[in-house]
Amino acid sequence: MKSVEIIMIPVKDRQKSKEFYLKLGFQIIVEAPAAHGETWIQMGIPGSDTTISLAGFQGIICETDNIKNEIANLKSKGIEVDKIDETPWGKFAWLKDLDGNSLCLHQK
C-alpha cells in the first residue's frame, strides 16, 4: 500500500453532510450516481491527496500499484482478502481488521 486514498465516513444525509463539509473548506472532487440509486460524494481539502467519501458505511481505501501482489503479500501473513472487483474506476478488494473495520485496496 502506498497511501490512504479515501476515508469513507458514514452519514445519514449525504446532501446535508456535503453542505457541512463545504462550509469547513472541503471541495467536491466527485459527485456522481452510484450503485443502488445512491450518490457517490467524494470531497477533499485543497492541496491534499487524501479525500473523504460521504457514504452509507465506514471504510478506508488504500491505493496500491499492484493489487494482486498486495493481496498475495497479505494472504501470506494470514490476512483474508475478498475477491478483486473490477470497475470502471479501477480494481478493488475489501478486507476487515480484527475489530471488523472495513479496509479496501484500490488499484487505478
PDB file of N, CA and C in Angstrom:
ATOM      1  N   MET A   1       0.850  -1.167   0.000  1.00  0.00           N
ATOM      2  CA  MET A   1       0.000   0.000   0.000  1.00  0.00           C
ATOM      3  C   MET A   1       0.896   1.229   0.000  1.00  0.00           C
ATOM      4  N   LYS A   2       0.481   2.228  -0.782  1.00  0.00           N
ATOM      5  CA  LYS A   2       1.330   3.410  -0.853  1.00  0.00           C
ATOM      6  C   LYS A   2       0.715   4.653  -0.233  1.00  0.00           C
ATOM      7  N   SER A   3      -0.614   4.686  -0.069  1.00  0.00           N
ATOM      8  CA  SER A   3      -1.225   5.850   0.568  1.00  0.00           C
ATOM      9  C   SER A   3      -2.667   5.560   0.956  1.00  0.00           C
ATOM     10  N   VAL A   4      -3.160   6.340   1.937  1.00  0.00           N
ATOM     11  CA  VAL A   4      -4.582   6.339   2.229  1.00  0.00           C
ATOM     12  C   VAL A   4      -5.204   7.270   1.203  1.00  0.00           C
ATOM     13  N   GLU A   5      -6.080   6.710   0.384  1.00  0.00           N
ATOM     14  CA  GLU A   5      -6.666   7.479  -0.711  1.00  0.00           C
ATOM     15  C   GLU A   5      -7.985   8.122  -0.292  1.00  0.00           C
ATOM     16  N   ILE A   6      -8.895   7.317   0.284  1.00  0.00           N
ATOM     17  CA  ILE A   6     -10.226   7.810   0.637  1.00  0.00           C
ATOM     18  C   ILE A   6     -10.627   7.262   1.999  1.00  0.00           C
ATOM     19  N   ILE A   7     -11.150   8.126   2.854  1.00  0.00           N
ATOM     20  CA  ILE A   7     -11.734   7.709   4.120  1.00  0.00           C
ATOM     21  C   ILE A   7     -13.240   7.843   3.961  1.00  0.00           C
ATOM     22  N   MET A   8     -13.939   6.714   4.065  1.00  0.00           N
ATOM     23  CA  MET A   8     -15.393   6.705   3.899  1.00  0.00           C
ATOM     24  C   MET A   8     -16.037   6.988   5.253  1.00  0.00           C
ATOM     25  N   ILE A   9     -16.837   8.033   5.295  1.00  0.00           N
ATOM     26  CA  ILE A   9     -17.491   8.472   6.527  1.00  0.00           C
ATOM     27  C   ILE A   9     -18.979   8.153   6.424  1.00  0.00           C
ATOM     28  N   PRO A  10     -19.519   7.349   7.360  1.00  0.00           N
ATOM     29  CA  PRO A  10     -20.956   7.079   7.303  1.00  0.00           C
ATOM     30  C   PRO A  10     -21.760   8.319   7.707  1.00  0.00           C
ATOM     31  N   VAL A  11     -22.709   8.686   6.857  1.00  0.00           N
ATOM     32  CA  VAL A  11     -23.569   9.840   7.127  1.00  0.00           C
ATOM     33  C   VAL A  11     -25.028   9.454   6.897  1.00  0.00           C
ATOM     34  N   LYS A  12     -25.942  10.174   7.564  1.00  0.00           N
ATOM     35  CA  LYS A  12     -27.372   9.910   7.406  1.00  0.00           C
ATOM     36  C   LYS A  12     -27.938  10.591   6.168  1.00  0.00           C
ATOM     37  N   ASP A  13     -27.486  11.799   5.882  1.00  0.00           N
ATOM     38  CA  ASP A  13     -27.989  12.575   4.753  1.00  0.00           C
ATOM     39  C   ASP A  13     -26.784  13.130   3.984  1.00  0.00           C
ATOM     40  N   ARG A  14     -26.510  12.561   2.830  1.00  0.00           N
ATOM     41  CA  ARG A  14     -25.306  12.929   2.079  1.00  0.00           C
ATOM     42  C   ARG A  14     -25.312  14.387   1.642  1.00  0.00           C
ATOM     43  N   GLN A  15     -26.471  14.900   1.232  1.00  0.00           N
ATOM     44  CA  GLN A  15     -26.527  16.284   0.775  1.00  0.00           C
ATOM     45  C   GLN A  15     -26.295  17.275   1.916  1.00  0.00           C
ATOM     46  N   LYS A  16     -26.919  17.022   3.072  1.00  0.00           N
ATOM     47  CA  LYS A  16     -26.699  17.904   4.221  1.00  0.00           C
ATOM     48  C   LYS A  16     -25.252  17.822   4.693  1.00  0.00           C
ATOM     49  N   SER A  17     -24.699  16.624   4.680  1.00  0.00           N
ATOM     50  CA  SER A  17     -23.303  16.455   5.076  1.00  0.00           C
ATOM     51  C   SER A  17     -22.373  17.164   4.093  1.00  0.00           C
ATOM     52  N   LYS A  18     -22.699  17.097   2.808  1.00  0.00           N
ATOM     53  CA  LYS A  18     -21.893  17.783   1.789  1.00  0.00           C
ATOM     54  C   LYS A  18     -21.850  19.279   2.095  1.00  0.00           C
ATOM     55  N   GLU A  19     -22.993  19.867   2.412  1.00  0.00           N
ATOM     56  CA  GLU A  19     -23.051  21.304   2.718  1.00  0.00           C
ATOM     57  C   GLU A  19     -22.188  21.635   3.938  1.00  0.00           C
ATOM     58  N   PHE A  20     -22.221  20.768   4.956  1.00  0.00           N
ATOM     59  CA  PHE A  20     -21.404  20.974   6.147  1.00  0.00           C
ATOM     60  C   PHE A  20     -19.921  20.980   5.791  1.00  0.00           C
ATOM     61  N   TYR A  21     -19.480  19.981   5.020  1.00  0.00           N
ATOM     62  CA  TYR A  21     -18.057  19.889   4.675  1.00  0.00           C
ATOM     63  C   TYR A  21     -17.628  21.020   3.732  1.00  0.00           C
ATOM     64  N   LEU A  22     -18.536  21.498   2.898  1.00  0.00           N
ATOM     65  CA  LEU A  22     -18.221  22.666   2.067  1.00  0.00           C
ATOM     66  C   LEU A  22     -17.947  23.880   2.951  1.00  0.00           C
ATOM     67  N   LYS A  23     -18.756  24.046   4.009  1.00  0.00           N
ATOM     68  CA  LYS A  23     -18.551  25.160   4.939  1.00  0.00           C
ATOM     69  C   LYS A  23     -17.210  25.052   5.656  1.00  0.00           C
ATOM     70  N   LEU A  24     -16.734  23.810   5.861  1.00  0.00           N
ATOM     71  CA  LEU A  24     -15.439  23.593   6.505  1.00  0.00           C
ATOM     72  C   LEU A  24     -14.265  23.901   5.578  1.00  0.00           C
ATOM     73  N   GLY A  25     -14.542  24.061   4.280  1.00  0.00           N
ATOM     74  CA  GLY A  25     -13.481  24.361   3.332  1.00  0.00           C
ATOM     75  C   GLY A  25     -13.127  23.220   2.396  1.00  0.00           C
ATOM     76  N   PHE A  26     -13.851  22.097   2.501  1.00  0.00           N
ATOM     77  CA  PHE A  26     -13.627  20.995   1.563  1.00  0.00           C
ATOM     78  C   PHE A  26     -14.185  21.374   0.193  1.00  0.00           C
ATOM     79  N   GLN A  27     -13.663  20.732  -0.848  1.00  0.00           N
ATOM     80  CA  GLN A  27     -14.176  20.909  -2.204  1.00  0.00           C
ATOM     81  C   GLN A  27     -14.724  19.568  -2.698  1.00  0.00           C
ATOM     82  N   ILE A  28     -15.677  19.651  -3.625  1.00  0.00           N
ATOM     83  CA  ILE A  28     -16.211  18.433  -4.237  1.00  0.00           C
ATOM     84  C   ILE A  28     -15.206  17.939  -5.267  1.00  0.00           C
ATOM     85  N   ILE A  29     -14.796  16.692  -5.123  1.00  0.00           N
ATOM     86  CA  ILE A  29     -13.898  16.047  -6.082  1.00  0.00           C
ATOM     87  C   ILE A  29     -14.737  15.302  -7.116  1.00  0.00           C
ATOM     88  N   VAL A  30     -15.709  14.509  -6.622  1.00  0.00           N
ATOM     89  CA  VAL A  30     -16.624  13.758  -7.492  1.00  0.00           C
ATOM     90  C   VAL A  30     -17.997  13.751  -6.842  1.00  0.00           C
ATOM     91  N   GLU A  31     -19.011  13.998  -7.642  1.00  0.00           N
ATOM     92  CA  GLU A  31     -20.402  13.789  -7.223  1.00  0.00           C
ATOM     93  C   GLU A  31     -21.094  13.154  -8.414  1.00  0.00           C
ATOM     94  N   ALA A  32     -21.413  11.876  -8.272  1.00  0.00           N
ATOM     95  CA  ALA A  32     -21.944  11.118  -9.407  1.00  0.00           C
ATOM     96  C   ALA A  32     -22.863  10.011  -8.920  1.00  0.00           C
ATOM     97  N   PRO A  33     -23.781   9.565  -9.800  1.00  0.00           N
ATOM     98  CA  PRO A  33     -24.644   8.440  -9.439  1.00  0.00           C
ATOM     99  C   PRO A  33     -23.801   7.208  -9.114  1.00  0.00           C
ATOM    100  N   ALA A  34     -24.228   6.473  -8.093  1.00  0.00           N
ATOM    101  CA  ALA A  34     -23.539   5.243  -7.693  1.00  0.00           C
ATOM    102  C   ALA A  34     -24.550   4.104  -7.660  1.00  0.00           C
ATOM    103  N   ALA A  35     -24.107   2.959  -7.224  1.00  0.00           N
ATOM    104  CA  ALA A  35     -24.968   1.771  -7.170  1.00  0.00           C
ATOM    105  C   ALA A  35     -26.167   1.994  -6.255  1.00  0.00           C
ATOM    106  N   HIS A  36     -27.230   1.296  -6.534  1.00  0.00           N
ATOM    107  CA  HIS A  36     -28.448   1.277  -5.711  1.00  0.00           C
ATOM    108  C   HIS A  36     -29.114   2.643  -5.586  1.00  0.00           C
ATOM    109  N   GLY A  37     -28.968   3.491  -6.603  1.00  0.00           N
ATOM    110  CA  GLY A  37     -29.637   4.788  -6.613  1.00  0.00           C
ATOM    111  C   GLY A  37     -29.023   5.828  -5.693  1.00  0.00           C
ATOM    112  N   GLU A  38     -27.883   5.526  -5.121  1.00  0.00           N
ATOM    113  CA  GLU A  38     -27.222   6.462  -4.228  1.00  0.00           C
ATOM    114  C   GLU A  38     -26.331   7.416  -5.031  1.00  0.00           C
ATOM    115  N   THR A  39     -25.788   8.405  -4.358  1.00  0.00           N
ATOM    116  CA  THR A  39     -24.853   9.331  -4.981  1.00  0.00           C
ATOM    117  C   THR A  39     -23.498   9.185  -4.311  1.00  0.00           C
ATOM    118  N   TRP A  40     -22.445   9.028  -5.112  1.00  0.00           N
ATOM    119  CA  TRP A  40     -21.084   8.993  -4.593  1.00  0.00           C
ATOM    120  C   TRP A  40     -20.632  10.438  -4.461  1.00  0.00           C
ATOM    121  N   ILE A  41     -20.318  10.846  -3.236  1.00  0.00           N
ATOM    122  CA  ILE A  41     -19.816  12.193  -2.992  1.00  0.00           C
ATOM    123  C   ILE A  41     -18.428  12.059  -2.377  1.00  0.00           C
ATOM    124  N   GLN A  42     -17.446  12.539  -3.114  1.00  0.00           N
ATOM    125  CA  GLN A  42     -16.058  12.489  -2.668  1.00  0.00           C
ATOM    126  C   GLN A  42     -15.560  13.927  -2.567  1.00  0.00           C
ATOM    127  N   MET A  43     -14.975  14.263  -1.419  1.00  0.00           N
ATOM    128  CA  MET A  43     -14.557  15.635  -1.159  1.00  0.00           C
ATOM    129  C   MET A  43     -13.128  15.653  -0.631  1.00  0.00           C
ATOM    130  N   GLY A  44     -12.468  16.778  -0.805  1.00  0.00           N
ATOM    131  CA  GLY A  44     -11.103  16.890  -0.307  1.00  0.00           C
ATOM    132  C   GLY A  44     -10.755  18.304   0.080  1.00  0.00           C
ATOM    133  N   ILE A  45      -9.718  18.402   0.886  1.00  0.00           N
ATOM    134  CA  ILE A  45      -9.169  19.696   1.257  1.00  0.00           C
ATOM    135  C   ILE A  45      -8.203  20.098   0.154  1.00  0.00           C
ATOM    136  N   PRO A  46      -8.284  21.322  -0.352  1.00  0.00           N
ATOM    137  CA  PRO A  46      -7.370  21.746  -1.413  1.00  0.00           C
ATOM    138  C   PRO A  46      -5.907  21.471  -1.051  1.00  0.00           C
ATOM    139  N   GLY A  47      -5.178  20.855  -1.974  1.00  0.00           N
ATOM    140  CA  GLY A  47      -3.776  20.555  -1.788  1.00  0.00           C
ATOM    141  C   GLY A  47      -3.484  19.217  -1.131  1.00  0.00           C
ATOM    142  N   SER A  48      -4.517  18.511  -0.685  1.00  0.00           N
ATOM    143  CA  SER A  48      -4.328  17.223  -0.018  1.00  0.00           C
ATOM    144  C   SER A  48      -4.650  16.073  -0.977  1.00  0.00           C
ATOM    145  N   ASP A  49      -3.887  14.992  -0.893  1.00  0.00           N
ATOM    146  CA  ASP A  49      -4.147  13.827  -1.733  1.00  0.00           C
ATOM    147  C   ASP A  49      -5.212  12.908  -1.147  1.00  0.00           C
ATOM    148  N   THR A  50      -5.383  12.924   0.181  1.00  0.00           N
ATOM    149  CA  THR A  50      -6.380  12.078   0.831  1.00  0.00           C
ATOM    150  C   THR A  50      -7.729  12.782   0.786  1.00  0.00           C
ATOM    151  N   THR A  51      -8.773  12.026   0.443  1.00  0.00           N
ATOM    152  CA  THR A  51     -10.116  12.584   0.358  1.00  0.00           C
ATOM    153  C   THR A  51     -11.058  11.826   1.290  1.00  0.00           C
ATOM    154  N   ILE A  52     -12.277  12.352   1.411  1.00  0.00           N
ATOM    155  CA  ILE A  52     -13.325  11.651   2.157  1.00  0.00           C
ATOM    156  C   ILE A  52     -14.464  11.336   1.200  1.00  0.00           C
ATOM    157  N   SER A  53     -15.212  10.303   1.536  1.00  0.00           N
ATOM    158  CA  SER A  53     -16.436   9.976   0.812  1.00  0.00           C
ATOM    159  C   SER A  53     -17.570   9.966   1.821  1.00  0.00           C
ATOM    160  N   LEU A  54     -18.638  10.662   1.512  1.00  0.00           N
ATOM    161  CA  LEU A  54     -19.826  10.663   2.366  1.00  0.00           C
ATOM    162  C   LEU A  54     -20.637   9.441   1.963  1.00  0.00           C
ATOM    163  N   ALA A  55     -20.674   8.436   2.834  1.00  0.00           N
ATOM    164  CA  ALA A  55     -21.147   7.114   2.443  1.00  0.00           C
ATOM    165  C   ALA A  55     -22.166   6.553   3.426  1.00  0.00           C
ATOM    166  N   GLY A  56     -22.639   5.367   3.101  1.00  0.00           N
ATOM    167  CA  GLY A  56     -23.578   4.657   3.961  1.00  0.00           C
ATOM    168  C   GLY A  56     -22.878   3.768   4.974  1.00  0.00           C
ATOM    169  N   PHE A  57     -21.569   3.604   4.863  1.00  0.00           N
ATOM    170  CA  PHE A  57     -20.795   2.787   5.798  1.00  0.00           C
ATOM    171  C   PHE A  57     -19.371   3.315   5.855  1.00  0.00           C
ATOM    172  N   GLN A  58     -18.639   2.896   6.889  1.00  0.00           N
ATOM    173  CA  GLN A  58     -17.267   3.380   7.041  1.00  0.00           C
ATOM    174  C   GLN A  58     -16.298   2.468   6.319  1.00  0.00           C
ATOM    175  N   GLY A  59     -15.175   3.040   5.957  1.00  0.00           N
ATOM    176  CA  GLY A  59     -14.115   2.264   5.330  1.00  0.00           C
ATOM    177  C   GLY A  59     -12.940   3.160   5.008  1.00  0.00           C
ATOM    178  N   ILE A  60     -11.789   2.534   4.846  1.00  0.00           N
ATOM    179  CA  ILE A  60     -10.584   3.254   4.431  1.00  0.00           C
ATOM    180  C   ILE A  60     -10.099   2.600   3.154  1.00  0.00           C
ATOM    181  N   ILE A  61      -9.928   3.398   2.111  1.00  0.00           N
ATOM    182  CA  ILE A  61      -9.464   2.890   0.822  1.00  0.00           C
ATOM    183  C   ILE A  61      -7.999   3.283   0.662  1.00  0.00           C
ATOM    184  N   CYS A  62      -7.156   2.262   0.474  1.00  0.00           N
ATOM    185  CA  CYS A  62      -5.717   2.469   0.323  1.00  0.00           C
ATOM    186  C   CYS A  62      -5.310   2.181  -1.117  1.00  0.00           C
ATOM    187  N   GLU A  63      -4.531   3.084  -1.667  1.00  0.00           N
ATOM    188  CA  GLU A  63      -4.073   2.922  -3.043  1.00  0.00           C
ATOM    189  C   GLU A  63      -2.885   1.971  -3.100  1.00  0.00           C
ATOM    190  N   THR A  64      -2.844   1.163  -4.144  1.00  0.00           N
ATOM    191  CA  THR A  64      -1.731   0.256  -4.388  1.00  0.00           C
ATOM    192  C   THR A  64      -1.431   0.244  -5.885  1.00  0.00           C
ATOM    193  N   ASP A  65      -0.188   0.000  -6.227  1.00  0.00           N
ATOM    194  CA  ASP A  65       0.194  -0.079  -7.640  1.00  0.00           C
ATOM    195  C   ASP A  65      -0.090  -1.450  -8.244  1.00  0.00           C
ATOM    196  N   ASN A  66      -0.115  -2.499  -7.386  1.00  0.00           N
ATOM    197  CA  ASN A  66      -0.316  -3.853  -7.887  1.00  0.00           C
ATOM    198  C   ASN A  66      -1.167  -4.622  -6.896  1.00  0.00           C
ATOM    199  N   ILE A  67      -2.469  -4.646  -7.134  1.00  0.00           N
ATOM    200  CA  ILE A  67      -3.410  -5.234  -6.185  1.00  0.00           C
ATOM    201  C   ILE A  67      -3.194  -6.738  -6.009  1.00  0.00           C
ATOM    202  N   LYS A  68      -2.847  -7.439  -7.077  1.00  0.00           N
ATOM    203  CA  LYS A  68      -2.628  -8.888  -6.974  1.00  0.00           C
ATOM    204  C   LYS A  68      -1.435  -9.193  -6.070  1.00  0.00           C
ATOM    205  N   ASN A  69      -0.348  -8.469  -6.231  1.00  0.00           N
ATOM    206  CA  ASN A  69       0.823  -8.678  -5.372  1.00  0.00           C
ATOM    207  C   ASN A  69       0.514  -8.303  -3.925  1.00  0.00           C
ATOM    208  N   GLU A  70      -0.231  -7.225  -3.748  1.00  0.00           N
ATOM    209  CA  GLU A  70      -0.597  -6.782  -2.397  1.00  0.00           C
ATOM    210  C   GLU A  70      -1.438  -7.845  -1.694  1.00  0.00           C
ATOM    211  N   ILE A  71      -2.408  -8.415  -2.417  1.00  0.00           N
ATOM    212  CA  ILE A  71      -3.260  -9.455  -1.837  1.00  0.00           C
ATOM    213  C   ILE A  71      -2.427 -10.689  -1.489  1.00  0.00           C
ATOM    214  N   ALA A  72      -1.544 -11.094  -2.387  1.00  0.00           N
ATOM    215  CA  ALA A  72      -0.687 -12.257  -2.121  1.00  0.00           C
ATOM    216  C   ALA A  72       0.159 -12.015  -0.868  1.00  0.00           C
ATOM    217  N   ASN A  73       0.708 -10.813  -0.726  1.00  0.00           N
ATOM    218  CA  ASN A  73       1.510 -10.466   0.440  1.00  0.00           C
ATOM    219  C   ASN A  73       0.673 -10.541   1.721  1.00  0.00           C
ATOM    220  N   LEU A  74      -0.538  -9.981   1.683  1.00  0.00           N
ATOM    221  CA  LEU A  74      -1.400 -10.009   2.866  1.00  0.00           C
ATOM    222  C   LEU A  74      -1.815 -11.434   3.220  1.00  0.00           C
ATOM    223  N   LYS A  75      -2.170 -12.225   2.209  1.00  0.00           N
ATOM    224  CA  LYS A  75      -2.574 -13.612   2.460  1.00  0.00           C
ATOM    225  C   LYS A  75      -1.417 -14.425   3.040  1.00  0.00           C
ATOM    226  N   SER A  76      -0.182 -14.125   2.632  1.00  0.00           N
ATOM    227  CA  SER A  76       0.979 -14.829   3.188  1.00  0.00           C
ATOM    228  C   SER A  76       1.156 -14.520   4.676  1.00  0.00           C
ATOM    229  N   LYS A  77       0.551 -13.427   5.139  1.00  0.00           N
ATOM    230  CA  LYS A  77       0.596 -13.040   6.547  1.00  0.00           C
ATOM    231  C   LYS A  77      -0.648 -13.486   7.302  1.00  0.00           C
ATOM    232  N   GLY A  78      -1.501 -14.281   6.621  1.00  0.00           N
ATOM    233  CA  GLY A  78      -2.708 -14.796   7.262  1.00  0.00           C
ATOM    234  C   GLY A  78      -3.886 -13.841   7.265  1.00  0.00           C
ATOM    235  N   ILE A  79      -3.854 -12.825   6.410  1.00  0.00           N
ATOM    236  CA  ILE A  79      -4.941 -11.841   6.340  1.00  0.00           C
ATOM    237  C   ILE A  79      -5.853 -12.199   5.169  1.00  0.00           C
ATOM    238  N   GLU A  80      -7.140 -12.368   5.478  1.00  0.00           N
ATOM    239  CA  GLU A  80      -8.111 -12.712   4.436  1.00  0.00           C
ATOM    240  C   GLU A  80      -8.520 -11.462   3.665  1.00  0.00           C
ATOM    241  N   VAL A  81      -8.577 -11.608   2.346  1.00  0.00           N
ATOM    242  CA  VAL A  81      -8.974 -10.509   1.462  1.00  0.00           C
ATOM    243  C   VAL A  81     -10.030 -11.051   0.507  1.00  0.00           C
ATOM    244  N   ASP A  82     -11.117 -10.280   0.304  1.00  0.00           N
ATOM    245  CA  ASP A  82     -12.163 -10.681  -0.635  1.00  0.00           C
ATOM    246  C   ASP A  82     -11.625 -10.669  -2.064  1.00  0.00           C
ATOM    247  N   LYS A  83     -12.448 -11.168  -2.973  1.00  0.00           N
ATOM    248  CA  LYS A  83     -12.068 -11.207  -4.395  1.00  0.00           C
ATOM    249  C   LYS A  83     -11.903  -9.793  -4.942  1.00  0.00           C
ATOM    250  N   ILE A  84     -11.202  -9.686  -6.044  1.00  0.00           N
ATOM    251  CA  ILE A  84     -10.998  -8.396  -6.711  1.00  0.00           C
ATOM    252  C   ILE A  84     -12.226  -8.059  -7.542  1.00  0.00           C
ATOM    253  N   ASP A  85     -12.771  -6.864  -7.311  1.00  0.00           N
ATOM    254  CA  ASP A  85     -13.871  -6.346  -8.131  1.00  0.00           C
ATOM    255  C   ASP A  85     -13.278  -5.384  -9.151  1.00  0.00           C
ATOM    256  N   GLU A  86     -13.528  -5.651 -10.430  1.00  0.00           N
ATOM    257  CA  GLU A  86     -13.053  -4.750 -11.480  1.00  0.00           C
ATOM    258  C   GLU A  86     -14.193  -3.818 -11.859  1.00  0.00           C
ATOM    259  N   THR A  87     -13.935  -2.514 -11.791  1.00  0.00           N
ATOM    260  CA  THR A  87     -14.948  -1.499 -12.073  1.00  0.00           C
ATOM    261  C   THR A  87     -14.359  -0.487 -13.056  1.00  0.00           C
ATOM    262  N   PRO A  88     -15.195   0.417 -13.561  1.00  0.00           N
ATOM    263  CA  PRO A  88     -14.654   1.486 -14.411  1.00  0.00           C
ATOM    264  C   PRO A  88     -13.672   2.411 -13.673  1.00  0.00           C
ATOM    265  N   TRP A  89     -13.689   2.378 -12.326  1.00  0.00           N
ATOM    266  CA  TRP A  89     -12.838   3.256 -11.515  1.00  0.00           C
ATOM    267  C   TRP A  89     -11.599   2.529 -11.021  1.00  0.00           C
ATOM    268  N   GLY A  90     -11.411   1.289 -11.444  1.00  0.00           N
ATOM    269  CA  GLY A  90     -10.233   0.534 -11.033  1.00  0.00           C
ATOM    270  C   GLY A  90     -10.597  -0.791 -10.394  1.00  0.00           C
ATOM    271  N   LYS A  91      -9.599  -1.426  -9.816  1.00  0.00           N
ATOM    272  CA  LYS A  91      -9.765  -2.715  -9.147  1.00  0.00           C
ATOM    273  C   LYS A  91      -9.820  -2.483  -7.644  1.00  0.00           C
ATOM    274  N   PHE A  92     -10.761  -3.173  -6.972  1.00  0.00           N
ATOM    275  CA  PHE A  92     -10.961  -3.024  -5.537  1.00  0.00           C
ATOM    276  C   PHE A  92     -11.005  -4.396  -4.873  1.00  0.00           C
ATOM    277  N   ALA A  93     -10.464  -4.508  -3.672  1.00  0.00           N
ATOM    278  CA  ALA A  93     -10.555  -5.728  -2.873  1.00  0.00           C
ATOM    279  C   ALA A  93     -10.695  -5.320  -1.406  1.00  0.00           C
ATOM    280  N   TRP A  94     -11.729  -5.837  -0.747  1.00  0.00           N
ATOM    281  CA  TRP A  94     -12.047  -5.456   0.630  1.00  0.00           C
ATOM    282  C   TRP A  94     -11.508  -6.468   1.625  1.00  0.00           C
ATOM    283  N   LEU A  95     -11.190  -5.973   2.814  1.00  0.00           N
ATOM    284  CA  LEU A  95     -10.804  -6.820   3.940  1.00  0.00           C
ATOM    285  C   LEU A  95     -11.250  -6.140   5.220  1.00  0.00           C
ATOM    286  N   LYS A  96     -11.178  -6.866   6.340  1.00  0.00           N
ATOM    287  CA  LYS A  96     -11.576  -6.302   7.634  1.00  0.00           C
ATOM    288  C   LYS A  96     -10.422  -6.465   8.617  1.00  0.00           C
ATOM    289  N   ASP A  97     -10.313  -5.486   9.520  1.00  0.00           N
ATOM    290  CA  ASP A  97      -9.314  -5.614  10.573  1.00  0.00           C
ATOM    291  C   ASP A  97      -9.888  -6.478  11.698  1.00  0.00           C
ATOM    292  N   LEU A  98      -9.154  -6.634  12.780  1.00  0.00           N
ATOM    293  CA  LEU A  98      -9.571  -7.505  13.878  1.00  0.00           C
ATOM    294  C   LEU A  98     -10.860  -7.049  14.559  1.00  0.00           C
ATOM    295  N   ASP A  99     -11.195  -5.765  14.441  1.00  0.00           N
ATOM    296  CA  ASP A  99     -12.400  -5.229  15.056  1.00  0.00           C
ATOM    297  C   ASP A  99     -13.566  -5.083  14.073  1.00  0.00           C
ATOM    298  N   GLY A 100     -13.388  -5.580  12.863  1.00  0.00           N
ATOM    299  CA  GLY A 100     -14.459  -5.521  11.870  1.00  0.00           C
ATOM    300  C   GLY A 100     -14.505  -4.251  11.046  1.00  0.00           C
ATOM    301  N   ASN A 101     -13.493  -3.390  11.165  1.00  0.00           N
ATOM    302  CA  ASN A 101     -13.442  -2.175  10.361  1.00  0.00           C
ATOM    303  C   ASN A 101     -13.072  -2.533   8.924  1.00  0.00           C
ATOM    304  N   SER A 102     -13.740  -1.895   7.982  1.00  0.00           N
ATOM    305  CA  SER A 102     -13.518  -2.186   6.561  1.00  0.00           C
ATOM    306  C   SER A 102     -12.330  -1.414   6.000  1.00  0.00           C
ATOM    307  N   LEU A 103     -11.478  -2.144   5.279  1.00  0.00           N
ATOM    308  CA  LEU A 103     -10.364  -1.575   4.542  1.00  0.00           C
ATOM    309  C   LEU A 103     -10.490  -2.051   3.117  1.00  0.00           C
ATOM    310  N   CYS A 104      -9.994  -1.272   2.193  1.00  0.00           N
ATOM    311  CA  CYS A 104     -10.099  -1.634   0.787  1.00  0.00           C
ATOM    312  C   CYS A 104      -8.803  -1.294   0.077  1.00  0.00           C
ATOM    313  N   LEU A 105      -8.367  -2.212  -0.774  1.00  0.00           N
ATOM    314  CA  LEU A 105      -7.232  -1.947  -1.652  1.00  0.00           C
ATOM    315  C   LEU A 105      -7.785  -1.428  -2.973  1.00  0.00           C
ATOM    316  N   HIS A 106      -7.130  -0.446  -3.568  1.00  0.00           N
ATOM    317  CA  HIS A 106      -7.587   0.124  -4.832  1.00  0.00           C
ATOM    318  C   HIS A 106      -6.397   0.299  -5.762  1.00  0.00           C
ATOM    319  N   GLN A 107      -6.520  -0.294  -6.933  1.00  0.00           N
ATOM    320  CA  GLN A 107      -5.525  -0.083  -7.987  1.00  0.00           C
ATOM    321  C   GLN A 107      -6.222   0.644  -9.123  1.00  0.00           C
ATOM    322  N   LYS A 108      -5.709   1.811  -9.477  1.00  0.00           N
ATOM    323  CA  LYS A 108      -6.315   2.615 -10.548  1.00  0.00           C
ATOM    324  C   LYS A 108      -6.061   2.009 -11.894  1.00  0.00           C
TER     325      LYS A 108
END
